[in-house]
């Protein structure tokens, strides 16, 4: 089993895991994570940790923070930055 520390340390492995995760979230295969797809994954995460579902406003705010090119969706490049931050948080916990 691969650990978070190893994924962070090896660029090729990080890119592979990030792509697999991105593709799993990108339900329609468009190559972008839409607001609806983001909402679905946020709901899943919230459910897993026992938080209330995000509101539409919460989802819009999160999308705006991640969507640096202001396209209205999250590209793989944008996703990788978020994914790396999340993995570092998990690794430091």
Protein backbone atom coordinates (compact mmCIF):
# COMPACT_ATOMS: atom_id res chain seq x y z
CA UNK A 1 0.00 0.00 0.00
CA UNK A 2 1.28 3.44 -0.93
CA UNK A 3 1.45 6.05 1.81
CA UNK A 4 0.72 9.76 1.50
CA UNK A 5 4.35 10.64 2.23
CA UNK A 6 5.49 8.50 -0.71
CA UNK A 7 2.90 10.07 -3.04
CA UNK A 8 4.12 13.55 -2.07
CA UNK A 9 7.78 12.56 -2.51
CA UNK A 10 7.51 11.02 -5.97
CA UNK A 11 6.33 13.36 -8.72
CA UNK A 12 5.27 10.62 -11.15
CA UNK A 13 3.33 8.81 -8.44
CA UNK A 14 1.71 12.06 -7.31
CA UNK A 15 0.63 12.83 -10.90
CA UNK A 16 -0.78 9.30 -11.31
CA UNK A 17 -2.78 9.40 -8.07
CA UNK A 18 -3.96 12.97 -8.77
CA UNK A 19 -5.13 11.98 -12.26
CA UNK A 20 -6.99 8.92 -10.96
CA UNK A 21 -8.69 11.05 -8.31
CA UNK A 22 -9.51 13.82 -10.80
CA UNK A 23 -10.99 11.32 -13.27
CA UNK A 24 -13.12 9.77 -10.52
CA UNK A 25 -14.54 13.20 -9.64
CA UNK A 26 -14.97 14.23 -13.30
CA UNK A 27 -18.08 12.06 -13.69
CA UNK A 28 -18.95 13.21 -17.22
CA UNK A 29 -15.38 12.84 -18.53
CA UNK A 30 -15.23 16.44 -19.74
CA UNK A 31 -11.70 17.03 -18.46
CA UNK A 32 -13.05 19.66 -16.06
CA UNK A 33 -14.69 19.42 -12.66
CA UNK A 34 -17.96 21.32 -12.86
CA UNK A 35 -19.73 23.02 -9.97
CA UNK A 36 -22.19 20.10 -9.82
CA UNK A 37 -19.37 17.54 -9.69
CA UNK A 38 -17.61 19.59 -7.01
CA UNK A 39 -20.83 19.65 -4.97
CA UNK A 40 -21.12 15.86 -5.20
CA UNK A 41 -17.57 15.28 -3.96
CA UNK A 42 -17.95 17.89 -1.20
CA UNK A 43 -21.13 16.15 -0.03
CA UNK A 44 -19.31 12.83 0.01
CA UNK A 45 -16.42 14.25 2.03
CA UNK A 46 -18.79 15.98 4.46
CA UNK A 47 -20.73 12.77 4.91
CA UNK A 48 -17.52 10.83 5.58
CA UNK A 49 -16.43 13.23 8.33
CA UNK A 50 -19.87 13.90 9.78
CA UNK A 51 -20.36 17.50 8.61
CA UNK A 52 -23.51 19.02 7.16
CA UNK A 53 -23.75 19.11 3.38
CA UNK A 54 -22.34 22.28 1.83
CA UNK A 55 -24.77 24.93 0.65
CA UNK A 56 -24.82 26.15 -2.94
CA UNK A 57 -23.03 29.29 -1.72
CA UNK A 58 -20.35 27.17 -0.01
CA UNK A 59 -19.78 25.25 -3.24
CA UNK A 60 -19.58 28.47 -5.27
CA UNK A 61 -17.04 29.95 -2.83
CA UNK A 62 -14.87 26.84 -2.94
CA UNK A 63 -15.05 26.75 -6.72
CA UNK A 64 -14.02 30.40 -6.91
CA UNK A 65 -11.01 29.74 -4.63
CA UNK A 66 -9.81 26.80 -6.72
CA UNK A 67 -10.72 28.13 -10.19
CA UNK A 68 -7.81 30.55 -10.62
CA UNK A 69 -8.44 31.10 -14.35
CA UNK A 70 -12.10 31.96 -13.64
CA UNK A 71 -13.39 29.46 -16.22
CA UNK A 72 -16.26 28.28 -14.02
CA UNK A 73 -14.78 24.81 -13.64
CA UNK A 74 -11.67 23.17 -12.21
CA UNK A 75 -8.95 22.02 -14.61
CA UNK A 76 -6.57 19.20 -13.80
CA UNK A 77 -3.79 21.76 -13.22
CA UNK A 78 -5.95 23.62 -10.69
CA UNK A 79 -6.99 20.35 -9.08
CA UNK A 80 -3.38 19.22 -8.61
CA UNK A 81 -2.61 22.29 -6.50
CA UNK A 82 -5.60 21.59 -4.25
CA UNK A 83 -4.84 17.87 -4.11
CA UNK A 84 -1.24 18.52 -3.04
CA UNK A 85 -2.43 20.85 -0.25
CA UNK A 86 -4.92 18.23 0.94
CA UNK A 87 -2.29 15.48 0.95
CA UNK A 88 0.09 17.68 2.95
CA UNK A 89 -2.63 18.27 5.53
CA UNK A 90 -3.27 14.53 5.78
CA UNK A 91 0.46 13.84 6.00
CA UNK A 92 0.95 16.38 8.77
CA UNK A 93 -1.96 15.04 10.83
